[in-house]
Amino acid sequence: METNILLESGTNELEILEFSVGDHLYGINVAKVKEILPFKKPTPVPNAHPAVEGIFMPRDEIITIIDLATCLRMKVSPDESKDMYIVTNFNNLNAAFHVQRVVGIHRLSWADIQKPDATMNNGDKGVATGIIKLDGKLIVILDFEKIVSDISPETGLRTSQIDDMGMRERRSTPILIAEDSPLLIRLIHDCLIKAGFVNIISTTNGQEAWDKLCAFRDAGILHNSVSLVVTDIEMPKMDGHMLTKLIKTDAKLKHLPVVIFSSLINPEMRRKGELLGADAQLTKPEIGSLVEAIDKLLVK
């Protein structure tokens, strides 16, 4: 089963692939999914992380297999006749996730996705990014980037790139960030501060970012309040593509540079971002490239 569902740009919609781990239902954005394959006994890797089952080679590339049950601390009785691999690509990385069953695909609005509260996401340890109520059942959308970075920290935000830049001039130019992950928004904020950008406004989704921009615009203080926007794509309430579209079609906001900083920057997503008017699009591990892009856009 391959996923080829394409969505129009800037509609605030997404496709969620519903699957089960044990008896529990979870979801992943179809934009991260390359294909779905039947279970095949993996080749074990010596001294690997406990959640890494091994590797397999469905085509010409070796792919690591991650057992989601282990990541979620669940005990599951394997059924090799029904288990599946969800093969993903994000942050320029291919990985396969071992699940028990693939249920189907649902087209939704980001406005339908509820943000987990603090009881579900304890600090930086939570792996839920959203909750969907669908046909009387609750589906938890998992933070696959965090799951992978917990297994292999070098796949996460490369904060060392900021250290390599050395001392930089402090700049008070105001930058607005839209990012729903508490961990990532803190890391991005800290990295930009270290890179010299000391005036950071943080928001947790596209709707919150849009509301702030509109408030600044309507109060006549936009020029002094925001000079550039950095946005993720995947966010509850309003995604980064919709936010970009709204900014670039507003007569008083369209001059603002918009940088899309996401794990989903692939050729298809890049085309969508270009159509919406994004000024730069970067994949999330490359925080150094984000700083370089901001430098270039703020001197235009």
C-alpha atoms as a PDB file:
ATOM      1  CA  MET A   1       0.000   0.000   0.000  1.00  0.00           C
ATOM      2  CA  GLU A   2       1.526   3.294  -1.090  1.00  0.00           C
ATOM      3  CA  THR A   3       0.293   6.708   0.008  1.00  0.00           C
ATOM      4  CA  ASN A   4      -0.098   9.160  -2.854  1.00  0.00           C
ATOM      5  CA  ILE A   5      -2.733  11.506  -1.497  1.00  0.00           C
ATOM      6  CA  LEU A   6      -1.929  15.078  -2.465  1.00  0.00           C
ATOM      7  CA  LEU A   7      -3.486  18.096  -0.821  1.00  0.00           C
ATOM      8  CA  GLU A   8      -3.834  21.607  -2.157  1.00  0.00           C
ATOM      9  CA  SER A   9      -1.530  24.204  -0.667  1.00  0.00           C
ATOM     10  CA  GLY A  10      -2.669  26.366   2.217  1.00  0.00           C
ATOM     11  CA  THR A  11      -6.012  24.677   2.954  1.00  0.00           C
ATOM     12  CA  ASN A  12      -5.112  23.871   6.584  1.00  0.00           C
ATOM     13  CA  GLU A  13      -5.848  20.203   5.855  1.00  0.00           C
ATOM     14  CA  LEU A  14      -3.836  17.057   6.326  1.00  0.00           C
ATOM     15  CA  GLU A  15      -4.142  13.315   5.869  1.00  0.00           C
ATOM     16  CA  ILE A  16      -3.674  11.164   8.976  1.00  0.00           C
ATOM     17  CA  LEU A  17      -2.753   7.495   8.712  1.00  0.00           C
ATOM     18  CA  GLU A  18      -4.441   5.621  11.564  1.00  0.00           C
ATOM     19  CA  PHE A  19      -2.696   2.537  12.931  1.00  0.00           C
ATOM     20  CA  SER A  20      -2.598   0.443  16.083  1.00  0.00           C
ATOM     21  CA  VAL A  21       0.120  -0.577  18.496  1.00  0.00           C
ATOM     22  CA  GLY A  22      -1.385  -3.360  20.540  1.00  0.00           C
ATOM     23  CA  ASP A  23      -4.980  -2.315  21.214  1.00  0.00           C
ATOM     24  CA  HIS A  24      -4.279   1.415  21.103  1.00  0.00           C
ATOM     25  CA  LEU A  25      -4.862   3.760  18.147  1.00  0.00           C
ATOM     26  CA  TYR A  26      -2.306   6.261  16.899  1.00  0.00           C
ATOM     27  CA  GLY A  27      -1.784   8.518  13.917  1.00  0.00           C
ATOM     28  CA  ILE A  28       0.949   9.898  11.673  1.00  0.00           C
ATOM     29  CA  ASN A  29       0.803  12.636   9.054  1.00  0.00           C
ATOM     30  CA  VAL A  30       0.656  10.972   5.629  1.00  0.00           C
ATOM     31  CA  ALA A  31       3.194  13.544   4.411  1.00  0.00           C
ATOM     32  CA  LYS A  32       5.802  11.612   6.445  1.00  0.00           C
ATOM     33  CA  VAL A  33       4.848   8.211   5.024  1.00  0.00           C
ATOM     34  CA  LYS A  34       6.663   6.728   2.030  1.00  0.00           C
ATOM     35  CA  GLU A  35       4.935   3.348   1.956  1.00  0.00           C
ATOM     36  CA  ILE A  36       3.431   0.593   4.080  1.00  0.00           C
ATOM     37  CA  LEU A  37       4.911  -2.888   3.907  1.00  0.00           C
ATOM     38  CA  PRO A  38       4.060  -6.256   5.482  1.00  0.00           C
ATOM     39  CA  PHE A  39       6.215  -7.466   8.338  1.00  0.00           C
ATOM     40  CA  LYS A  40       9.433  -9.185   7.355  1.00  0.00           C
ATOM     41  CA  LYS A  41      11.807 -10.618   9.920  1.00  0.00           C
ATOM     42  CA  PRO A  42      14.602  -8.036  10.308  1.00  0.00           C
ATOM     43  CA  THR A  43      18.328  -8.539  10.429  1.00  0.00           C
ATOM     44  CA  PRO A  44      19.420  -7.748  13.998  1.00  0.00           C
ATOM     45  CA  VAL A  45      22.068  -5.095  14.681  1.00  0.00           C
ATOM     46  CA  PRO A  46      24.555  -5.808  17.499  1.00  0.00           C
ATOM     47  CA  ASN A  47      24.508  -3.383  20.462  1.00  0.00           C
ATOM     48  CA  ALA A  48      21.651  -1.368  18.987  1.00  0.00           C
ATOM     49  CA  HIS A  49      19.188   0.691  21.020  1.00  0.00           C
ATOM     50  CA  PRO A  50      16.505  -1.553  22.634  1.00  0.00           C
ATOM     51  CA  ALA A  51      13.818  -0.026  20.375  1.00  0.00           C
ATOM     52  CA  VAL A  52      15.766  -0.850  17.201  1.00  0.00           C
ATOM     53  CA  GLU A  53      14.614  -4.272  16.014  1.00  0.00           C
ATOM     54  CA  GLY A  54      17.144  -4.420  13.211  1.00  0.00           C
ATOM     55  CA  ILE A  55      17.406  -3.483   9.563  1.00  0.00           C
ATOM     56  CA  PHE A  56      15.914  -4.558   6.266  1.00  0.00           C
ATOM     57  CA  MET A  57      16.407  -3.694   2.630  1.00  0.00           C
ATOM     58  CA  PRO A  58      13.073  -3.498   0.787  1.00  0.00           C
ATOM     59  CA  ARG A  59      14.758  -2.000  -2.276  1.00  0.00           C
ATOM     60  CA  ASP A  60      18.224  -0.550  -2.736  1.00  0.00           C
ATOM     61  CA  GLU A  61      18.468   1.156   0.656  1.00  0.00           C
ATOM     62  CA  ILE A  62      19.073  -0.233   4.129  1.00  0.00           C
ATOM     63  CA  ILE A  63      16.370   0.999   6.520  1.00  0.00           C
ATOM     64  CA  THR A  64      16.347   0.836  10.312  1.00  0.00           C
ATOM     65  CA  ILE A  65      13.280  -0.754  11.930  1.00  0.00           C
ATOM     66  CA  ILE A  66      11.979   0.819  15.144  1.00  0.00           C
ATOM     67  CA  ASP A  67       9.537  -1.066  17.369  1.00  0.00           C
ATOM     68  CA  LEU A  68       6.891   1.438  18.428  1.00  0.00           C
ATOM     69  CA  ALA A  69       5.647  -0.822  21.224  1.00  0.00           C
ATOM     70  CA  THR A  70       9.065  -0.607  22.898  1.00  0.00           C
ATOM     71  CA  CYS A  71       9.187   3.181  22.405  1.00  0.00           C
ATOM     72  CA  LEU A  72       5.748   3.504  24.022  1.00  0.00           C
ATOM     73  CA  ARG A  73       6.642   1.059  26.832  1.00  0.00           C
ATOM     74  CA  MET A  74       3.928  -1.372  25.844  1.00  0.00           C
ATOM     75  CA  LYS A  75       3.962  -5.151  25.898  1.00  0.00           C
ATOM     76  CA  VAL A  76       2.568  -6.512  22.646  1.00  0.00           C
ATOM     77  CA  SER A  77       2.247 -10.095  21.478  1.00  0.00           C
ATOM     78  CA  PRO A  78       3.708 -10.093  17.950  1.00  0.00           C
ATOM     79  CA  ASP A  79       1.640 -11.546  15.137  1.00  0.00           C
ATOM     80  CA  GLU A  80       3.923 -11.730  12.153  1.00  0.00           C
ATOM     81  CA  SER A  81       1.010 -12.541   9.847  1.00  0.00           C
ATOM     82  CA  LYS A  82      -0.668  -9.168  10.467  1.00  0.00           C
ATOM     83  CA  ASP A  83       2.059  -6.796  11.654  1.00  0.00           C
ATOM     84  CA  MET A  84       3.133  -3.981   9.330  1.00  0.00           C
ATOM     85  CA  TYR A  85       5.999  -1.576   8.730  1.00  0.00           C
ATOM     86  CA  ILE A  86       5.236   2.114   8.176  1.00  0.00           C
ATOM     87  CA  VAL A  87       8.218   3.401   6.180  1.00  0.00           C
ATOM     88  CA  THR A  88       8.735   7.119   6.775  1.00  0.00           C
ATOM     89  CA  ASN A  89      10.878  10.004   5.608  1.00  0.00           C
ATOM     90  CA  PHE A  90      11.398  13.171   7.645  1.00  0.00           C
ATOM     91  CA  ASN A  91      14.426  15.250   8.602  1.00  0.00           C
ATOM     92  CA  ASN A  92      16.096  13.728   5.513  1.00  0.00           C
ATOM     93  CA  LEU A  93      16.004  10.336   7.253  1.00  0.00           C
ATOM     94  CA  ASN A  94      14.289   7.089   6.273  1.00  0.00           C
ATOM     95  CA  ALA A  95      13.028   4.794   9.046  1.00  0.00           C
ATOM     96  CA  ALA A  96      10.445   2.019   9.376  1.00  0.00           C
ATOM     97  CA  PHE A  97       8.115   1.714  12.361  1.00  0.00           C
ATOM     98  CA  HIS A  98       6.788  -1.695  13.404  1.00  0.00           C
ATOM     99  CA  VAL A  99       3.046  -1.530  14.162  1.00  0.00           C
ATOM    100  CA  GLN A 100       0.333  -4.145  14.610  1.00  0.00           C
ATOM    101  CA  ARG A 101      -2.300  -2.925  12.159  1.00  0.00           C
ATOM    102  CA  VAL A 102      -2.922  -0.151   9.653  1.00  0.00           C
ATOM    103  CA  VAL A 103      -6.530   1.047   9.890  1.00  0.00           C
ATOM    104  CA  GLY A 104      -6.880   3.682   7.184  1.00  0.00           C
ATOM    105  CA  ILE A 105      -6.407   7.298   6.122  1.00  0.00           C
ATOM    106  CA  HIS A 106      -8.518  10.254   7.237  1.00  0.00           C
ATOM    107  CA  ARG A 107      -8.632  13.731   5.740  1.00  0.00           C
ATOM    108  CA  LEU A 108      -8.913  16.360   8.474  1.00  0.00           C
ATOM    109  CA  SER A 109      -8.436  20.008   9.266  1.00  0.00           C
ATOM    110  CA  TRP A 110      -5.669  21.028  11.615  1.00  0.00           C
ATOM    111  CA  ALA A 111      -8.426  22.849  13.507  1.00  0.00           C
ATOM    112  CA  ASP A 112      -9.841  19.415  14.433  1.00  0.00           C
ATOM    113  CA  ILE A 113      -6.658  18.411  16.253  1.00  0.00           C
ATOM    114  CA  GLN A 114      -6.465  19.165  19.957  1.00  0.00           C
ATOM    115  CA  LYS A 115      -3.170  19.954  21.660  1.00  0.00           C
ATOM    116  CA  PRO A 116      -2.315  17.492  24.477  1.00  0.00           C
ATOM    117  CA  ASP A 117      -2.324  19.102  27.908  1.00  0.00           C
ATOM    118  CA  ALA A 118       0.494  19.013  30.444  1.00  0.00           C
ATOM    119  CA  THR A 119      -0.767  15.777  32.004  1.00  0.00           C
ATOM    120  CA  MET A 120      -0.002  13.944  28.744  1.00  0.00           C
ATOM    121  CA  ASN A 121       3.236  15.702  27.845  1.00  0.00           C
ATOM    122  CA  ASN A 122       5.377  15.951  30.957  1.00  0.00           C
ATOM    123  CA  GLY A 123       8.014  18.518  30.063  1.00  0.00           C
ATOM    124  CA  ASP A 124      10.188  17.275  27.203  1.00  0.00           C
ATOM    125  CA  LYS A 125       9.250  13.611  27.724  1.00  0.00           C
ATOM    126  CA  GLY A 126       5.886  13.466  25.953  1.00  0.00           C
ATOM    127  CA  VAL A 127       5.562  11.931  22.505  1.00  0.00           C
ATOM    128  CA  ALA A 128       2.006  13.053  21.675  1.00  0.00           C
ATOM    129  CA  THR A 129       1.567  16.092  19.407  1.00  0.00           C
ATOM    130  CA  GLY A 130      -2.210  16.008  19.017  1.00  0.00           C
ATOM    131  CA  ILE A 131      -5.477  14.208  19.775  1.00  0.00           C
ATOM    132  CA  ILE A 132      -8.252  13.506  17.270  1.00  0.00           C
ATOM    133  CA  LYS A 133     -11.772  12.390  18.103  1.00  0.00           C
ATOM    134  CA  LEU A 134     -13.048  10.380  15.154  1.00  0.00           C
ATOM    135  CA  ASP A 135     -16.154   8.193  14.987  1.00  0.00           C
ATOM    136  CA  GLY A 136     -16.330   8.046  18.768  1.00  0.00           C
ATOM    137  CA  LYS A 137     -12.694   7.007  19.244  1.00  0.00           C
ATOM    138  CA  LEU A 138      -9.607   8.946  20.255  1.00  0.00           C
ATOM    139  CA  ILE A 139      -6.490   8.800  18.077  1.00  0.00           C
ATOM    140  CA  VAL A 140      -3.162  10.053  19.442  1.00  0.00           C
ATOM    141  CA  ILE A 141      -0.832  11.647  16.892  1.00  0.00           C
ATOM    142  CA  LEU A 142       2.725  10.714  17.792  1.00  0.00           C
ATOM    143  CA  ASP A 143       5.827  12.891  17.669  1.00  0.00           C
ATOM    144  CA  PHE A 144       7.959  10.671  15.454  1.00  0.00           C
ATOM    145  CA  GLU A 145      10.808  13.182  15.332  1.00  0.00           C
ATOM    146  CA  LYS A 146      11.149  13.027  19.114  1.00  0.00           C
ATOM    147  CA  ILE A 147      10.897   9.224  19.113  1.00  0.00           C
ATOM    148  CA  VAL A 148      13.793   9.029  16.643  1.00  0.00           C
ATOM    149  CA  SER A 149      15.892  11.697  18.368  1.00  0.00           C
ATOM    150  CA  ASP A 150      15.476   9.890  21.716  1.00  0.00           C
ATOM    151  CA  ILE A 151      16.943   6.807  20.057  1.00  0.00           C
ATOM    152  CA  SER A 152      19.596   8.687  18.084  1.00  0.00           C
ATOM    153  CA  PRO A 153      20.205  12.205  19.473  1.00  0.00           C
ATOM    154  CA  GLU A 154      22.370  13.232  16.504  1.00  0.00           C
ATOM    155  CA  THR A 155      19.234  13.220  14.328  1.00  0.00           C
ATOM    156  CA  GLY A 156      17.742  16.059  16.389  1.00  0.00           C
ATOM    157  CA  LEU A 157      18.361  19.787  16.187  1.00  0.00           C
ATOM    158  CA  ARG A 158      22.072  20.328  15.537  1.00  0.00           C
ATOM    159  CA  THR A 159      22.671  22.968  18.149  1.00  0.00           C
ATOM    160  CA  SER A 160      26.447  22.562  17.852  1.00  0.00           C
ATOM    161  CA  GLN A 161      26.222  24.443  14.551  1.00  0.00           C
ATOM    162  CA  ILE A 162      25.475  27.604  16.523  1.00  0.00           C
ATOM    163  CA  ASP A 163      28.561  27.104  18.699  1.00  0.00           C
ATOM    164  CA  ASP A 164      30.648  26.762  15.530  1.00  0.00           C
ATOM    165  CA  MET A 165      29.557  30.261  14.451  1.00  0.00           C
ATOM    166  CA  GLY A 166      31.425  31.817  17.380  1.00  0.00           C
ATOM    167  CA  MET A 167      30.584  35.232  18.822  1.00  0.00           C
ATOM    168  CA  ARG A 168      27.992  37.200  16.863  1.00  0.00           C
ATOM    169  CA  GLU A 169      26.672  40.739  17.108  1.00  0.00           C
ATOM    170  CA  ARG A 170      23.509  41.095  19.212  1.00  0.00           C
ATOM    171  CA  ARG A 171      20.479  42.202  17.205  1.00  0.00           C
ATOM    172  CA  SER A 172      17.139  43.399  18.558  1.00  0.00           C
ATOM    173  CA  THR A 173      15.278  42.661  15.306  1.00  0.00           C
ATOM    174  CA  PRO A 174      12.004  41.011  16.409  1.00  0.00           C
ATOM    175  CA  ILE A 175      11.455  37.431  15.141  1.00  0.00           C
ATOM    176  CA  LEU A 176       8.205  35.510  15.616  1.00  0.00           C
ATOM    177  CA  ILE A 177       8.363  31.709  15.913  1.00  0.00           C
ATOM    178  CA  ALA A 178       5.407  29.339  15.395  1.00  0.00           C
ATOM    179  CA  GLU A 179       6.254  25.857  16.707  1.00  0.00           C
ATOM    180  CA  ASP A 180       4.088  23.423  18.658  1.00  0.00           C
ATOM    181  CA  SER A 181       6.775  21.216  20.224  1.00  0.00           C
ATOM    182  CA  PRO A 182       7.742  22.568  23.690  1.00  0.00           C
ATOM    183  CA  LEU A 183      11.191  21.027  23.349  1.00  0.00           C
ATOM    184  CA  LEU A 184      11.849  22.420  19.876  1.00  0.00           C
ATOM    185  CA  ILE A 185      10.512  25.878  20.585  1.00  0.00           C
ATOM    186  CA  ARG A 186      12.863  26.081  23.565  1.00  0.00           C
ATOM    187  CA  LEU A 187      15.832  24.815  21.536  1.00  0.00           C
ATOM    188  CA  ILE A 188      15.119  27.124  18.589  1.00  0.00           C
ATOM    189  CA  HIS A 189      14.631  30.069  20.943  1.00  0.00           C
ATOM    190  CA  ASP A 190      17.887  29.352  22.778  1.00  0.00           C
ATOM    191  CA  CYS A 191      19.813  28.852  19.523  1.00  0.00           C
ATOM    192  CA  LEU A 192      18.579  32.131  18.052  1.00  0.00           C
ATOM    193  CA  ILE A 193      19.434  33.962  21.282  1.00  0.00           C
ATOM    194  CA  LYS A 194      22.927  32.451  21.154  1.00  0.00           C
ATOM    195  CA  ALA A 195      23.173  33.532  17.499  1.00  0.00           C
ATOM    196  CA  GLY A 196      22.526  37.119  18.548  1.00  0.00           C
ATOM    197  CA  PHE A 197      18.786  37.477  17.936  1.00  0.00           C
ATOM    198  CA  VAL A 198      17.637  38.636  21.347  1.00  0.00           C
ATOM    199  CA  ASN A 199      14.045  39.686  20.548  1.00  0.00           C
ATOM    200  CA  ILE A 200      12.090  36.439  20.088  1.00  0.00           C
ATOM    201  CA  ILE A 201       8.299  36.050  20.199  1.00  0.00           C
ATOM    202  CA  SER A 202       7.240  32.400  20.653  1.00  0.00           C
ATOM    203  CA  THR A 203       3.832  30.996  19.698  1.00  0.00           C
ATOM    204  CA  THR A 204       2.627  27.390  19.864  1.00  0.00           C
ATOM    205  CA  ASN A 205       0.689  27.107  16.590  1.00  0.00           C
ATOM    206  CA  GLY A 206      -0.179  28.962  13.404  1.00  0.00           C
ATOM    207  CA  GLN A 207      -3.440  30.349  14.784  1.00  0.00           C
ATOM    208  CA  GLU A 208      -1.704  31.894  17.775  1.00  0.00           C
ATOM    209  CA  ALA A 209       0.965  33.368  15.487  1.00  0.00           C
ATOM    210  CA  TRP A 210      -1.673  34.756  13.112  1.00  0.00           C
ATOM    211  CA  ASP A 211      -3.638  36.313  15.986  1.00  0.00           C
ATOM    212  CA  LYS A 212      -0.495  38.109  17.197  1.00  0.00           C
ATOM    213  CA  LEU A 213       0.339  39.381  13.714  1.00  0.00           C
ATOM    214  CA  CYS A 214      -3.202  40.664  13.238  1.00  0.00           C
ATOM    215  CA  ALA A 215      -3.100  42.384  16.629  1.00  0.00           C
ATOM    216  CA  PHE A 216       0.173  44.135  15.735  1.00  0.00           C
ATOM    217  CA  ARG A 217      -1.183  45.079  12.296  1.00  0.00           C
ATOM    218  CA  ASP A 218      -4.473  46.439  13.609  1.00  0.00           C
ATOM    219  CA  ALA A 219      -2.713  48.431  16.344  1.00  0.00           C
ATOM    220  CA  GLY A 220      -0.403  50.000  13.763  1.00  0.00           C
ATOM    221  CA  ILE A 221       2.742  48.655  15.468  1.00  0.00           C
ATOM    222  CA  LEU A 222       3.655  45.836  13.069  1.00  0.00           C
ATOM    223  CA  HIS A 223       6.877  47.455  11.841  1.00  0.00           C
ATOM    224  CA  ASN A 224       8.363  47.591  15.338  1.00  0.00           C
ATOM    225  CA  SER A 225       6.891  44.274  16.519  1.00  0.00           C
ATOM    226  CA  VAL A 226       7.828  41.634  13.915  1.00  0.00           C
ATOM    227  CA  SER A 227      10.455  41.635  11.162  1.00  0.00           C
ATOM    228  CA  LEU A 228      10.467  37.932  10.215  1.00  0.00           C
ATOM    229  CA  VAL A 229       8.419  34.783  10.848  1.00  0.00           C
ATOM    230  CA  VAL A 230       9.815  31.264  11.370  1.00  0.00           C
ATOM    231  CA  THR A 231       7.154  28.561  11.191  1.00  0.00           C
ATOM    232  CA  ASP A 232       6.836  24.810  11.443  1.00  0.00           C
ATOM    233  CA  ILE A 233       4.407  23.079   9.057  1.00  0.00           C
ATOM    234  CA  GLU A 234       2.705  20.548  11.361  1.00  0.00           C
ATOM    235  CA  MET A 235       0.781  22.375  14.092  1.00  0.00           C
ATOM    236  CA  PRO A 236      -2.701  22.000  15.603  1.00  0.00           C
ATOM    237  CA  LYS A 237      -5.345  24.684  14.948  1.00  0.00           C
ATOM    238  CA  MET A 238      -3.459  26.135  11.953  1.00  0.00           C
ATOM    239  CA  ASP A 239      -0.498  24.704  10.065  1.00  0.00           C
ATOM    240  CA  GLY A 240       2.494  26.598   8.738  1.00  0.00           C
ATOM    241  CA  HIS A 241       1.324  26.503   5.136  1.00  0.00           C
ATOM    242  CA  MET A 242      -1.967  28.198   6.020  1.00  0.00           C
ATOM    243  CA  LEU A 243      -0.096  30.753   8.122  1.00  0.00           C
ATOM    244  CA  THR A 244       2.242  31.484   5.208  1.00  0.00           C
ATOM    245  CA  LYS A 245      -0.698  31.871   2.826  1.00  0.00           C
ATOM    246  CA  LEU A 246      -2.477  34.293   5.145  1.00  0.00           C
ATOM    247  CA  ILE A 247       0.646  36.416   5.598  1.00  0.00           C
ATOM    248  CA  LYS A 248       1.505  36.540   1.910  1.00  0.00           C
ATOM    249  CA  THR A 249      -2.044  37.449   0.830  1.00  0.00           C
ATOM    250  CA  ASP A 250      -2.464  40.253   3.375  1.00  0.00           C
ATOM    251  CA  ALA A 251      -1.669  43.703   1.991  1.00  0.00           C
ATOM    252  CA  LYS A 252      -0.038  44.906   5.213  1.00  0.00           C
ATOM    253  CA  LEU A 253       1.794  41.672   6.105  1.00  0.00           C
ATOM    254  CA  LYS A 254       3.010  40.283   2.783  1.00  0.00           C
ATOM    255  CA  HIS A 255       6.346  42.085   3.041  1.00  0.00           C
ATOM    256  CA  LEU A 256       7.273  39.976   6.088  1.00  0.00           C
ATOM    257  CA  PRO A 257       9.845  37.262   5.248  1.00  0.00           C
ATOM    258  CA  VAL A 258       8.551  33.784   6.132  1.00  0.00           C
ATOM    259  CA  VAL A 259      10.945  30.899   6.782  1.00  0.00           C
ATOM    260  CA  ILE A 260       9.433  27.416   6.914  1.00  0.00           C
ATOM    261  CA  PHE A 261      11.538  25.303   9.291  1.00  0.00           C
ATOM    262  CA  SER A 262      10.152  21.767   9.275  1.00  0.00           C
ATOM    263  CA  SER A 263      10.998  18.086   9.240  1.00  0.00           C
ATOM    264  CA  LEU A 264       8.798  17.778   6.126  1.00  0.00           C
ATOM    265  CA  ILE A 265      10.883  19.659   3.575  1.00  0.00           C
ATOM    266  CA  ASN A 266      10.827  17.259   0.627  1.00  0.00           C
ATOM    267  CA  PRO A 267      10.406  18.126  -3.087  1.00  0.00           C
ATOM    268  CA  GLU A 268       6.603  18.075  -2.916  1.00  0.00           C
ATOM    269  CA  MET A 269       6.415  20.184   0.232  1.00  0.00           C
ATOM    270  CA  ARG A 270       9.020  22.587  -1.151  1.00  0.00           C
ATOM    271  CA  ARG A 271       6.850  23.190  -4.221  1.00  0.00           C
ATOM    272  CA  LYS A 272       3.867  23.885  -1.981  1.00  0.00           C
ATOM    273  CA  GLY A 273       5.856  26.344   0.092  1.00  0.00           C
ATOM    274  CA  GLU A 274       7.079  28.131  -3.013  1.00  0.00           C
ATOM    275  CA  LEU A 275       3.516  28.463  -4.338  1.00  0.00           C
ATOM    276  CA  LEU A 276       2.474  30.025  -1.046  1.00  0.00           C
ATOM    277  CA  GLY A 277       5.305  32.566  -1.144  1.00  0.00           C
ATOM    278  CA  ALA A 278       7.677  31.228   1.528  1.00  0.00           C
ATOM    279  CA  ASP A 279      10.985  33.098   1.381  1.00  0.00           C
ATOM    280  CA  ALA A 280      13.065  30.125   2.593  1.00  0.00           C
ATOM    281  CA  GLN A 281      12.428  26.471   3.482  1.00  0.00           C
ATOM    282  CA  LEU A 282      14.799  24.462   5.644  1.00  0.00           C
ATOM    283  CA  THR A 283      14.762  21.044   7.249  1.00  0.00           C
ATOM    284  CA  LYS A 284      14.760  21.026  11.030  1.00  0.00           C
ATOM    285  CA  PRO A 285      18.115  19.572  11.996  1.00  0.00           C
ATOM    286  CA  GLU A 286      19.929  22.386  10.177  1.00  0.00           C
ATOM    287  CA  ILE A 287      19.643  25.167  12.755  1.00  0.00           C
ATOM    288  CA  GLY A 288      22.835  26.735  11.381  1.00  0.00           C
ATOM    289  CA  SER A 289      21.201  27.057   7.962  1.00  0.00           C
ATOM    290  CA  LEU A 290      18.190  28.676   9.633  1.00  0.00           C
ATOM    291  CA  VAL A 291      20.403  31.372  11.148  1.00  0.00           C
ATOM    292  CA  GLU A 292      22.108  31.947   7.779  1.00  0.00           C
ATOM    293  CA  ALA A 293      18.723  32.272   6.042  1.00  0.00           C
ATOM    294  CA  ILE A 294      17.531  34.779   8.655  1.00  0.00           C
ATOM    295  CA  ASP A 295      20.730  36.803   8.208  1.00  0.00           C
ATOM    296  CA  LYS A 296      20.168  37.027   4.434  1.00  0.00           C
ATOM    297  CA  LEU A 297      16.470  37.866   4.643  1.00  0.00           C
ATOM    298  CA  LEU A 298      16.917  40.614   7.252  1.00  0.00           C
ATOM    299  CA  VAL A 299      19.458  42.523   5.154  1.00  0.00           C
ATOM    300  CA  LYS A 300      17.219  42.628   2.057  1.00  0.00           C
END
